[in-house]
């Protein structure tokens, strides 16, 4: 500004502005910003949100009269339920539960911030106040005519997050507003600044997707209590998967549509799977055949299986053997099995899912599946024994199969007529798995000429030692002994008074065991990494 103009002002103002000019000359003229900062924005993902183009960014070095600088960082990830303004409904509880870190980090390069300038009163060093969603964070720091990377820690309760999107639809991004008030310590304009980009980073638990078993649906996890524990611990999860009974390959293909849509609705790039029974085999099929092509979009950090027959189930062998024998003969008898086995075979229908649970089918499945599973996915298993009182049988007092009835219309119907019959059928299931290594079928023909009759015998090949089981899956099969066990990181077996049957192996107590495994994987490989 010309000296004549300065001296034409009131003496005090002229003196002040002359002092400003001297300060600028001493510290280096306030430069117009040219080009971008030397700092590259971090990659955008589900825990780092970046704005690199906005009216308040990439400006020339701006004085207070040209400001304030305004821009917004959009969050695109669902973390939990929100208030009307987008802040987390119960941020403190989420932090306490470990779902999200207590603070987020706002990072941005500031240009020509003379925060440490040596000046003479009344001139003050540069104080560019930063406001986040209307609340002050502090001041930019920097040096004359250079870019300096600034970082601010923000209480997570101040952040705004989106609601979850519908399946297949990403959450609607929510603005987090940043305002830079320039040169707030001086009466007259002395300093200017510019900002290149801004990044907002959080740490949060990846959501859990629940996969049900054969002849079931997503509501299974609500009925048995697993979902209630996830809710109580404020873990984001989805139990919307609902697949009609079918083969493993069919379900694997369906999961290839369902899982990506669920992932998208959370706005994340990593998830955990928890699967019950056959759902664990369905999930393994998905992971081996489809997940490699999905890795560019999201990772499956872990798969935890609850009573999944990783080695198949001899009970499925019995049902398929009975079906085969009945189709080829007039009479079917059982040898080496409990007395109620015939009633059991007539009560339980072999469906497409059951056909894929035989020991022979699963052995072949394992041969093609295990070697193709994603190397980075962590596998965990839960297995159980339904005999809670230790008498090697299933009883109605105590009621060791109540939760099985909640998942079986046929068993409930039988139980309503005769408790003794329903108990006998379930105990037969338990004893078959406890004592049978494999199943064989033999045929015999009697009669003469056109009056011959074929009789078949389904026989039990006994085990060398009895096996604990949950009435549908043995403990070794649930653990994947000799098959997937080599890939398993964590395993739990519920026996004795803490035993579980095939249904309540997905109750809240089991969830309490599983949740720390998920957190451990998350802290090592996921979005909670230090």
Protein backbone atom coordinates (compact mmCIF):
# COMPACT_ATOMS: atom_id res chain seq x y z
CA UNK A 1 0.00 0.00 0.00
CA UNK A 2 1.53 3.41 -0.95
CA UNK A 3 2.93 5.54 1.91
CA UNK A 4 0.79 8.60 0.85
CA UNK A 5 -2.35 6.51 1.41
CA UNK A 6 -1.12 5.38 4.77
CA UNK A 7 -0.40 8.95 5.95
CA UNK A 8 -3.78 10.20 4.79
CA UNK A 9 -5.46 8.06 7.47
CA UNK A 10 -5.88 9.11 11.09
CA UNK A 11 -2.45 9.20 12.79
CA UNK A 12 -3.06 6.13 14.98
CA UNK A 13 -4.42 4.08 12.10
CA UNK A 14 -1.60 5.18 9.82
CA UNK A 15 0.97 4.26 12.44
CA UNK A 16 -0.69 0.87 12.96
CA UNK A 17 -0.71 0.06 9.26
CA UNK A 18 2.85 1.23 8.86
CA UNK A 19 3.80 -1.17 11.64
CA UNK A 20 1.94 -3.94 9.84
CA UNK A 21 3.92 -3.18 6.69
CA UNK A 22 7.18 -3.31 8.64
CA UNK A 23 6.18 -6.65 10.22
CA UNK A 24 5.35 -8.11 6.83
CA UNK A 25 8.64 -6.90 5.45
CA UNK A 26 10.49 -8.49 8.36
CA UNK A 27 8.70 -11.82 8.27
CA UNK A 28 8.36 -12.15 4.51
CA UNK A 29 5.55 -10.80 2.36
CA UNK A 30 2.22 -12.63 2.59
CA UNK A 31 2.38 -14.78 -0.54
CA UNK A 32 -0.35 -15.78 -2.89
CA UNK A 33 -0.65 -19.56 -2.75
CA UNK A 34 0.54 -21.27 -5.92
CA UNK A 35 -0.30 -24.91 -6.57
CA UNK A 36 -1.01 -27.58 -3.98
CA UNK A 37 0.69 -28.45 -0.73
CA UNK A 38 3.53 -30.99 -0.63
CA UNK A 39 1.30 -33.22 1.50
CA UNK A 40 -0.70 -35.94 -0.27
CA UNK A 41 -4.16 -36.66 1.11
CA UNK A 42 -4.51 -40.11 2.68
CA UNK A 43 -6.44 -42.80 0.78
CA UNK A 44 -10.19 -42.68 1.22
CA UNK A 45 -11.71 -45.73 2.93
CA UNK A 46 -14.36 -46.58 5.51
CA UNK A 47 -12.43 -44.97 8.39
CA UNK A 48 -10.76 -42.07 6.54
CA UNK A 49 -12.95 -39.44 4.93
CA UNK A 50 -11.31 -36.83 2.72
CA UNK A 51 -12.33 -33.56 1.06
CA UNK A 52 -9.89 -32.26 -1.56
CA UNK A 53 -12.10 -29.89 -3.52
CA UNK A 54 -14.47 -27.32 -2.02
CA UNK A 55 -15.01 -23.53 -2.12
CA UNK A 56 -12.94 -23.11 1.08
CA UNK A 57 -10.02 -25.19 -0.20
CA UNK A 58 -7.29 -24.49 -2.73
CA UNK A 59 -7.84 -20.73 -2.41
CA UNK A 60 -5.17 -18.02 -2.70
CA UNK A 61 -3.70 -17.00 0.64
CA UNK A 62 -6.84 -15.48 2.12
CA UNK A 63 -7.17 -12.58 4.59
CA UNK A 64 -9.94 -12.28 7.14
CA UNK A 65 -12.08 -10.12 4.83
CA UNK A 66 -12.04 -12.94 2.27
CA UNK A 67 -12.94 -15.57 4.81
CA UNK A 68 -13.73 -17.48 6.75
CA UNK A 69 -12.68 -20.63 4.90
CA UNK A 70 -15.56 -23.11 4.91
CA UNK A 71 -15.73 -26.72 3.77
CA UNK A 72 -17.24 -30.02 4.88
CA UNK A 73 -15.89 -33.53 5.34
CA UNK A 74 -18.54 -36.14 4.58
CA UNK A 75 -18.75 -39.30 6.67
CA UNK A 76 -20.13 -42.28 4.77
CA UNK A 77 -20.06 -45.09 7.35
CA UNK A 78 -22.77 -46.34 9.67
CA UNK A 79 -21.43 -46.75 13.21
CA UNK A 80 -24.58 -46.78 15.32
CA UNK A 81 -27.93 -45.14 15.88
CA UNK A 82 -27.84 -41.34 15.50
CA UNK A 83 -29.68 -38.30 16.77
CA UNK A 84 -31.54 -35.97 14.43
CA UNK A 85 -28.36 -33.93 13.88
CA UNK A 86 -26.32 -37.00 12.94
CA UNK A 87 -24.35 -37.26 16.19
CA UNK A 88 -24.21 -40.72 17.74
CA UNK A 89 -27.18 -41.41 19.98
CA UNK A 90 -25.06 -42.81 22.80
CA UNK A 91 -21.47 -42.02 21.93
CA UNK A 92 -20.15 -42.59 25.46
CA UNK A 93 -21.63 -46.09 25.59
CA UNK A 94 -20.18 -46.94 22.17
CA UNK A 95 -16.76 -45.79 23.34
CA UNK A 96 -17.05 -47.78 26.58
CA UNK A 97 -18.03 -50.88 24.60
CA UNK A 98 -14.99 -50.43 22.35
CA UNK A 99 -17.10 -50.03 19.22
CA UNK A 100 -15.47 -46.72 18.33
CA UNK A 101 -12.41 -44.82 19.54
CA UNK A 102 -13.08 -41.87 21.87
CA UNK A 103 -11.66 -39.32 19.43
CA UNK A 104 -11.37 -38.73 15.72
CA UNK A 105 -8.48 -36.95 14.03
CA UNK A 106 -8.89 -33.99 11.69
CA UNK A 107 -5.80 -33.44 9.52
CA UNK A 108 -5.20 -30.59 7.06
CA UNK A 109 -2.25 -28.69 5.58
CA UNK A 110 -2.26 -24.96 6.37
CA UNK A 111 -0.28 -22.42 4.32
CA UNK A 112 1.69 -19.42 5.60
CA UNK A 113 0.38 -19.63 9.16
CA UNK A 114 2.65 -17.25 11.07
CA UNK A 115 1.66 -18.63 14.45
CA UNK A 116 5.18 -18.21 15.86
CA UNK A 117 5.98 -14.84 14.25
CA UNK A 118 8.02 -12.43 16.39
CA UNK A 119 6.10 -9.16 16.30
CA UNK A 120 5.76 -5.94 18.22
CA UNK A 121 2.50 -4.84 19.87
CA UNK A 122 -0.16 -4.14 18.97
CA UNK A 123 0.47 -6.72 16.20
CA UNK A 124 -0.16 -10.31 17.33
CA UNK A 125 1.05 -13.59 15.81
CA UNK A 126 -1.38 -15.30 13.47
CA UNK A 127 -4.31 -17.00 15.16
CA UNK A 128 -6.52 -18.88 12.70
CA UNK A 129 -9.30 -20.43 14.78
CA UNK A 130 -10.63 -23.85 13.67
CA UNK A 131 -14.28 -24.69 14.30
CA UNK A 132 -15.68 -28.20 13.82
CA UNK A 133 -19.45 -28.50 13.58
CA UNK A 134 -19.67 -25.10 15.21
CA UNK A 135 -17.39 -25.86 18.16
CA UNK A 136 -13.80 -24.57 18.52
CA UNK A 137 -10.94 -27.04 18.14
CA UNK A 138 -7.95 -24.73 18.47
CA UNK A 139 -5.73 -22.76 16.09
CA UNK A 140 -3.71 -23.63 13.00
CA UNK A 141 0.03 -23.85 13.51
CA UNK A 142 2.69 -23.08 10.90
CA UNK A 143 5.52 -20.91 9.64
CA UNK A 144 5.86 -18.07 7.19
CA UNK A 145 5.25 -18.80 3.51
CA UNK A 146 5.25 -22.61 3.92
CA UNK A 147 2.87 -25.51 4.28
CA UNK A 148 2.55 -27.24 7.66
CA UNK A 149 0.40 -30.31 8.36
CA UNK A 150 -2.01 -29.68 11.23
CA UNK A 151 -3.89 -32.31 13.29
CA UNK A 152 -6.68 -31.97 15.81
CA UNK A 153 -8.23 -34.55 18.12
CA UNK A 154 -12.04 -34.32 18.19
CA UNK A 155 -14.32 -35.99 20.77
CA UNK A 156 -16.30 -38.60 18.86
CA UNK A 157 -19.55 -37.18 20.23
CA UNK A 158 -19.04 -34.10 18.01
CA UNK A 159 -18.95 -36.08 14.76
CA UNK A 160 -21.96 -36.60 12.56
CA UNK A 161 -22.59 -40.01 10.99
CA UNK A 162 -25.14 -41.32 8.50
CA UNK A 163 -27.95 -43.76 9.12
CA UNK A 164 -27.58 -47.20 7.62
CA UNK A 165 -28.65 -47.57 4.00
CA UNK A 166 -31.15 -50.08 2.71
CA UNK A 167 -29.66 -53.38 1.48
CA UNK A 168 -27.68 -52.62 -1.65
CA UNK A 169 -27.74 -48.86 -0.97
CA UNK A 170 -24.86 -46.99 0.62
CA UNK A 171 -25.55 -44.66 3.57
CA UNK A 172 -26.34 -41.08 2.59
CA UNK A 173 -23.19 -39.04 3.34
CA UNK A 174 -23.40 -36.57 6.22
CA UNK A 175 -21.50 -33.26 6.39
CA UNK A 176 -19.07 -32.42 9.14
CA UNK A 177 -18.49 -28.69 8.79
CA UNK A 178 -15.08 -27.07 9.19
CA UNK A 179 -14.65 -23.29 9.47
CA UNK A 180 -11.29 -21.47 9.59
CA UNK A 181 -11.63 -17.97 11.09
CA UNK A 182 -8.56 -16.09 9.86
CA UNK A 183 -6.31 -13.79 11.89
CA UNK A 184 -8.61 -13.53 14.91
CA UNK A 185 -6.03 -11.92 17.22
CA UNK A 186 -5.55 -8.70 15.23
CA UNK A 187 -7.89 -5.74 14.79
CA UNK A 188 -6.61 -4.97 11.31
CA UNK A 189 -5.86 -7.59 8.70
CA UNK A 190 -2.26 -8.77 9.01
CA UNK A 191 -2.10 -12.41 8.08
CA UNK A 192 -3.57 -14.72 5.46
CA UNK A 193 -3.74 -18.49 5.04
CA UNK A 194 -4.98 -21.29 2.79
CA UNK A 195 -5.93 -24.94 3.27
CA UNK A 196 -5.28 -27.63 0.64
CA UNK A 197 -7.39 -30.60 1.82
CA UNK A 198 -8.82 -32.12 4.98
CA UNK A 199 -9.10 -35.69 6.25
CA UNK A 200 -11.21 -37.01 9.11
CA UNK A 201 -10.10 -40.36 10.55
CA UNK A 202 -11.88 -42.67 13.00
CA UNK A 203 -11.41 -46.15 14.43
CA UNK A 204 -14.53 -48.34 14.59
CA UNK A 205 -15.49 -52.01 14.78
CA UNK A 206 -16.44 -53.66 11.50
CA UNK A 207 -20.02 -54.98 11.48
CA UNK A 208 -21.05 -58.61 11.92
CA UNK A 209 -23.19 -60.48 9.38
CA UNK A 210 -25.14 -63.48 10.70
CA UNK A 211 -25.78 -66.50 8.46
CA UNK A 212 -28.43 -69.05 9.51
CA UNK A 213 -28.40 -72.82 9.12
CA UNK A 214 -30.48 -75.40 7.29
CA UNK A 215 -34.27 -74.99 7.43
CA UNK A 216 -33.95 -71.71 9.30
CA UNK A 217 -33.85 -67.92 8.83
CA UNK A 218 -32.26 -64.77 10.18
CA UNK A 219 -34.69 -64.66 13.07
CA UNK A 220 -32.92 -67.70 14.52
CA UNK A 221 -30.34 -65.44 16.16
CA UNK A 222 -33.08 -63.39 17.81
CA UNK A 223 -34.94 -66.48 19.02
CA UNK A 224 -31.84 -68.01 20.56
CA UNK A 225 -30.37 -64.84 22.07
CA UNK A 226 -27.14 -64.29 20.11
CA UNK A 227 -28.47 -61.09 18.55
CA UNK A 228 -29.56 -59.71 21.93
CA UNK A 229 -25.98 -59.89 23.19
CA UNK A 230 -24.70 -58.07 20.11
CA UNK A 231 -27.32 -55.36 20.69
CA UNK A 232 -26.44 -55.08 24.36
CA UNK A 233 -22.78 -54.60 23.44
CA UNK A 234 -23.79 -52.13 20.71
CA UNK A 235 -22.07 -54.14 17.99
CA UNK A 236 -23.37 -53.24 14.52
CA UNK A 237 -24.76 -56.38 12.92
CA UNK A 238 -27.15 -57.71 10.30
CA UNK A 239 -29.39 -60.78 10.53
CA UNK A 240 -31.51 -60.13 7.45
CA UNK A 241 -30.21 -63.13 5.48
CA UNK A 242 -33.10 -65.50 4.84
CA UNK A 243 -32.36 -68.33 2.41
CA UNK A 244 -34.79 -71.15 1.55
CA UNK A 245 -33.47 -74.65 2.21
CA UNK A 246 -31.10 -75.74 -0.56
CA UNK A 247 -27.69 -77.10 -1.50
CA UNK A 248 -24.42 -75.55 -0.25
CA UNK A 249 -23.49 -74.36 -3.75
CA UNK A 250 -26.87 -72.70 -4.19
CA UNK A 251 -26.55 -70.89 -0.87
CA UNK A 252 -22.97 -69.89 -1.63
CA UNK A 253 -24.18 -68.23 -4.81
CA UNK A 254 -27.00 -66.48 -2.93
CA UNK A 255 -24.54 -65.18 -0.34
CA UNK A 256 -22.55 -63.69 -3.20
CA UNK A 257 -25.49 -61.37 -3.78
CA UNK A 258 -26.66 -60.90 -0.20
CA UNK A 259 -23.36 -60.23 1.57
CA UNK A 260 -22.09 -57.46 -0.77
CA UNK A 261 -25.45 -55.68 -0.52
CA UNK A 262 -25.32 -55.80 3.27
CA UNK A 263 -21.73 -54.57 3.30
CA UNK A 264 -22.70 -51.65 1.07
CA UNK A 265 -25.55 -50.69 3.41
CA UNK A 266 -23.05 -50.20 6.26
CA UNK A 267 -20.63 -48.18 4.12
CA UNK A 268 -17.69 -50.36 5.17
CA UNK A 269 -14.87 -52.27 3.52
CA UNK A 270 -14.56 -55.10 6.05
CA UNK A 271 -16.95 -57.37 7.94
CA UNK A 272 -17.09 -60.43 10.19
CA UNK A 273 -19.30 -63.46 9.53
CA UNK A 274 -20.93 -65.63 12.19
CA UNK A 275 -22.66 -68.73 10.85
CA UNK A 276 -24.71 -71.49 12.45
CA UNK A 277 -24.71 -75.14 11.37
CA UNK A 278 -24.85 -75.60 7.59
CA UNK A 279 -24.56 -71.81 7.28
CA UNK A 280 -20.89 -72.27 8.10
CA UNK A 281 -20.43 -74.52 5.06
CA UNK A 282 -22.47 -72.11 2.94
CA UNK A 283 -20.19 -69.30 4.12
CA UNK A 284 -17.07 -71.30 3.40
CA UNK A 285 -18.35 -71.97 -0.11
CA UNK A 286 -18.93 -68.25 -0.58
CA UNK A 287 -15.48 -67.37 0.75
CA UNK A 288 -13.68 -69.83 -1.50
CA UNK A 289 -15.60 -69.29 -4.71
CA UNK A 290 -16.68 -65.65 -4.63
CA UNK A 291 -14.80 -63.60 -2.03
CA UNK A 292 -11.52 -63.35 -3.98
CA UNK A 293 -13.31 -61.28 -6.63
CA UNK A 294 -14.91 -59.15 -3.87
CA UNK A 295 -11.65 -58.34 -2.09
CA UNK A 296 -11.24 -55.18 -4.15
CA UNK A 297 -14.39 -53.84 -2.44
CA UNK A 298 -14.33 -55.44 1.01
CA UNK A 299 -12.63 -58.09 3.13
CA UNK A 300 -14.12 -60.76 5.35
CA UNK A 301 -11.95 -60.48 8.44
CA UNK A 302 -13.27 -63.56 10.23
CA UNK A 303 -15.73 -66.44 10.03
CA UNK A 304 -16.95 -67.91 13.31
CA UNK A 305 -18.99 -71.10 13.02
CA UNK A 306 -21.44 -72.33 15.63
CA UNK A 307 -21.91 -76.14 15.51
CA UNK A 308 -21.09 -76.33 11.82
CA UNK A 309 -20.59 -79.95 10.67
CA UNK A 310 -17.17 -79.34 9.12
CA UNK A 311 -16.79 -83.10 8.78
CA UNK A 312 -20.44 -83.77 8.00
CA UNK A 313 -23.00 -85.45 10.27
CA UNK A 314 -23.63 -89.18 10.66
CA UNK A 315 -27.25 -88.28 11.38
CA UNK A 316 -27.52 -87.01 7.78
CA UNK A 317 -25.95 -90.31 6.70
CA UNK A 318 -28.73 -92.19 8.52
CA UNK A 319 -31.50 -90.12 6.95
CA UNK A 320 -30.13 -90.43 3.43
CA UNK A 321 -29.46 -94.14 3.96
CA UNK A 322 -33.06 -94.62 5.13
CA UNK A 323 -34.34 -92.74 2.09
CA UNK A 324 -32.16 -94.82 -0.24
CA UNK A 325 -33.13 -98.09 1.41
CA UNK A 326 -36.84 -97.28 1.41
CA UNK A 327 -36.75 -96.50 -2.30
CA UNK A 328 -35.13 -99.85 -3.09
CA UNK A 329 -36.99 -102.21 -0.74
CA UNK A 330 -40.32 -102.99 0.78
CA UNK A 331 -39.14 -103.03 4.36
CA UNK A 332 -36.38 -101.13 6.15
CA UNK A 333 -34.89 -102.23 9.45
CA UNK A 334 -32.15 -100.70 11.61
CA UNK A 335 -29.30 -102.54 13.23
CA UNK A 336 -27.09 -101.23 16.00
CA UNK A 337 -29.14 -98.06 16.41
CA UNK A 338 -31.34 -96.87 19.30
CA UNK A 339 -34.91 -98.16 19.35
CA UNK A 340 -36.45 -94.84 18.29
CA UNK A 341 -34.32 -94.56 15.15
CA UNK A 342 -37.14 -95.70 12.84
CA UNK A 343 -39.48 -93.06 14.31
CA UNK A 344 -36.70 -90.50 13.96
CA UNK A 345 -36.16 -91.37 10.30
CA UNK A 346 -39.86 -91.00 9.60
CA UNK A 347 -40.09 -87.69 11.53
CA UNK A 348 -37.11 -85.93 9.95
CA UNK A 349 -37.29 -85.36 6.20
CA UNK A 350 -34.14 -85.39 4.09
CA UNK A 351 -34.06 -82.15 2.09
CA UNK A 352 -31.46 -80.67 -0.27
CA UNK A 353 -29.58 -79.20 2.65
CA UNK A 354 -29.45 -82.55 4.45
CA UNK A 355 -28.08 -84.22 1.33
CA UNK A 356 -25.09 -81.90 1.52
CA UNK A 357 -24.42 -82.70 5.18
CA UNK A 358 -23.49 -86.35 4.87
CA UNK A 359 -19.95 -87.25 5.92
CA UNK A 360 -19.11 -88.35 2.39
CA UNK A 361 -20.35 -85.19 0.72
CA UNK A 362 -18.62 -82.88 3.20
CA UNK A 363 -15.34 -84.79 2.88
CA UNK A 364 -15.42 -84.15 -0.86
CA UNK A 365 -16.45 -80.54 -0.26
CA UNK A 366 -13.50 -80.04 2.09
CA UNK A 367 -11.13 -81.38 -0.51
CA UNK A 368 -12.05 -78.62 -2.95
CA UNK A 369 -12.82 -75.87 -0.47
CA UNK A 370 -10.24 -75.55 2.29
CA UNK A 371 -7.29 -74.84 0.02
CA UNK A 372 -9.22 -72.04 -1.69
CA UNK A 373 -10.26 -70.15 1.43
CA UNK A 374 -8.87 -66.58 1.73
CA UNK A 375 -5.55 -66.70 3.54
CA UNK A 376 -6.23 -63.51 5.50
CA UNK A 377 -9.62 -64.58 6.91
CA UNK A 378 -9.47 -65.78 10.51
CA UNK A 379 -11.55 -68.87 11.33
CA UNK A 380 -13.07 -69.66 14.73
CA UNK A 381 -15.23 -72.62 15.79
CA UNK A 382 -17.73 -73.42 18.53
CA UNK A 383 -18.85 -76.97 19.32
CA UNK A 384 -20.96 -78.36 22.14
CA UNK A 385 -22.47 -81.31 23.96
CA UNK A 386 -26.19 -81.30 24.76
CA UNK A 387 -25.92 -83.59 27.81
CA UNK A 388 -25.84 -81.03 30.60
CA UNK A 389 -26.29 -83.42 33.55
CA UNK A 390 -23.65 -85.92 32.48
CA UNK A 391 -25.79 -89.06 32.25
CA UNK A 392 -24.95 -89.76 28.58
CA UNK A 393 -28.55 -89.19 27.49
CA UNK A 394 -30.95 -86.40 26.58
CA UNK A 395 -33.61 -85.74 29.22
CA UNK A 396 -36.82 -83.82 29.54
CA UNK A 397 -36.01 -83.14 33.22
CA UNK A 398 -33.86 -81.15 33.05
CA UNK A 399 -35.20 -80.09 29.69
CA UNK A 400 -32.11 -80.49 27.52
CA UNK A 401 -33.89 -80.04 24.21
CA UNK A 402 -36.37 -77.22 24.77
CA UNK A 403 -34.57 -74.90 22.34
CA UNK A 404 -34.53 -77.60 19.70
CA UNK A 405 -38.33 -77.58 19.77
CA UNK A 406 -38.45 -73.83 19.12
CA UNK A 407 -36.72 -74.48 15.81
CA UNK A 408 -38.65 -77.61 14.73
CA UNK A 409 -42.37 -77.66 13.96
CA UNK A 410 -42.32 -81.46 13.65
CA UNK A 411 -40.64 -81.97 17.02
CA UNK A 412 -42.98 -79.48 18.68
CA UNK A 413 -45.96 -81.35 17.26
CA UNK A 414 -44.70 -84.67 18.60
CA UNK A 415 -43.91 -83.13 21.98
CA UNK A 416 -47.43 -81.74 22.29
CA UNK A 417 -48.76 -85.27 21.99
CA UNK A 418 -46.13 -87.17 23.98
CA UNK A 419 -43.17 -85.83 25.89
CA UNK A 420 -41.76 -89.33 26.16
CA UNK A 421 -41.85 -89.76 22.38
CA UNK A 422 -40.20 -86.42 21.67
CA UNK A 423 -37.52 -87.10 24.27
CA UNK A 424 -36.95 -90.55 22.79
CA UNK A 425 -36.48 -89.15 19.29
CA UNK A 426 -34.00 -86.50 20.42
CA UNK A 427 -32.13 -88.99 22.58
CA UNK A 428 -31.93 -91.31 19.56
CA UNK A 429 -30.29 -88.48 17.62
CA UNK A 430 -27.83 -87.99 20.47
CA UNK A 431 -27.03 -91.70 20.75
CA UNK A 432 -26.54 -92.14 17.00
CA UNK A 433 -23.97 -89.37 16.92
CA UNK A 434 -22.43 -90.53 20.17
CA UNK A 435 -21.83 -94.09 19.04
CA UNK A 436 -21.84 -94.30 15.22
CA UNK A 437 -18.76 -93.97 13.05
CA UNK A 438 -20.49 -94.63 9.73
CA UNK A 439 -23.59 -96.21 8.17
CA UNK A 440 -23.97 -99.17 5.83
CA UNK A 441 -26.93 -100.59 3.87
CA UNK A 442 -27.46 -104.25 3.04
CA UNK A 443 -30.27 -105.89 1.08
CA UNK A 444 -31.86 -109.31 1.19
CA UNK A 445 -34.58 -110.90 -0.96
CA UNK A 446 -37.07 -113.51 0.15
CA UNK A 447 -39.93 -115.30 -1.61
CA UNK A 448 -40.25 -117.13 -4.92
CA UNK A 449 -40.72 -115.84 -8.46
CA UNK A 450 -42.98 -112.78 -8.71
CA UNK A 451 -43.63 -112.91 -4.98
CA UNK A 452 -40.19 -111.79 -3.86
CA UNK A 453 -39.76 -109.13 -1.21
CA UNK A 454 -36.65 -107.02 -0.74
CA UNK A 455 -35.70 -106.04 2.77
CA UNK A 456 -32.96 -103.55 3.58
CA UNK A 457 -30.97 -103.10 6.74
CA UNK A 458 -29.39 -99.83 7.72
CA UNK A 459 -26.57 -100.69 10.09
CA UNK A 460 -24.41 -98.68 12.46
CA UNK A 461 -20.64 -99.07 12.28
CA UNK A 462 -19.71 -98.32 15.90
CA UNK A 463 -17.19 -95.80 17.14
CA UNK A 464 -14.20 -96.88 19.19
CA UNK A 465 -15.14 -94.32 21.84
CA UNK A 466 -18.32 -92.24 22.34
CA UNK A 467 -18.41 -88.65 21.08
CA UNK A 468 -20.03 -85.66 22.70
CA UNK A 469 -22.50 -83.94 20.40
CA UNK A 470 -25.28 -81.36 20.29
CA UNK A 471 -27.81 -83.87 18.82
CA UNK A 472 -26.91 -82.94 15.22
CA UNK A 473 -23.14 -82.35 15.15
CA UNK A 474 -20.35 -84.07 17.06
CA UNK A 475 -17.72 -82.03 18.85
CA UNK A 476 -14.90 -83.13 16.47
CA UNK A 477 -17.03 -82.21 13.46
CA UNK A 478 -17.92 -78.85 14.99
CA UNK A 479 -14.22 -78.20 15.51
CA UNK A 480 -13.28 -79.43 12.06
CA UNK A 481 -10.85 -82.00 13.45
CA UNK A 482 -8.80 -83.32 10.55
CA UNK A 483 -10.28 -80.81 8.11
CA UNK A 484 -10.49 -77.08 8.72
CA UNK A 485 -9.03 -77.24 12.24
CA UNK A 486 -5.62 -76.35 10.81
CA UNK A 487 -6.98 -72.93 9.84
CA UNK A 488 -8.76 -72.26 13.15
CA UNK A 489 -7.43 -69.55 15.47
CA UNK A 490 -9.96 -69.78 18.32
CA UNK A 491 -12.13 -72.68 19.40
CA UNK A 492 -14.55 -73.21 22.28
CA UNK A 493 -16.38 -76.33 23.44
CA UNK A 494 -19.43 -76.05 25.69
CA UNK A 495 -19.91 -79.18 27.79
CA UNK A 496 -21.25 -80.31 31.16
CA UNK A 497 -23.48 -77.83 32.95
CA UNK A 498 -22.48 -75.26 30.31
CA UNK A 499 -23.46 -77.63 27.48
CA UNK A 500 -25.58 -76.53 24.53
CA UNK A 501 -27.80 -78.32 22.05
CA UNK A 502 -27.78 -77.56 18.34
CA UNK A 503 -30.10 -74.58 18.77
CA UNK A 504 -28.99 -72.81 21.93
CA UNK A 505 -25.38 -73.05 20.79
CA UNK A 506 -26.33 -69.65 19.37
CA UNK A 507 -27.50 -68.15 22.65
CA UNK A 508 -26.23 -65.08 24.48
CA UNK A 509 -23.69 -66.99 26.55
CA UNK A 510 -21.98 -68.26 23.41
CA UNK A 511 -22.06 -64.75 21.95
CA UNK A 512 -20.18 -63.52 25.03
CA UNK A 513 -17.41 -66.00 24.15
CA UNK A 514 -17.38 -65.13 20.44
CA UNK A 515 -17.36 -61.32 20.70
CA UNK A 516 -13.81 -61.07 22.15
CA UNK A 517 -12.53 -63.13 19.21
CA UNK A 518 -14.06 -60.60 16.84
CA UNK A 519 -12.49 -57.70 18.72
CA UNK A 520 -9.12 -59.44 18.72
CA UNK A 521 -9.20 -59.88 14.94
CA UNK A 522 -10.36 -56.29 14.54
CA UNK A 523 -7.50 -54.91 16.60
CA UNK A 524 -4.94 -56.95 14.66
CA UNK A 525 -6.30 -56.77 11.12
CA UNK A 526 -9.28 -54.43 11.02
CA UNK A 527 -10.43 -50.88 11.61
CA UNK A 528 -9.45 -50.84 15.30
CA UNK A 529 -5.77 -51.31 14.56
CA UNK A 530 -3.54 -48.91 16.56
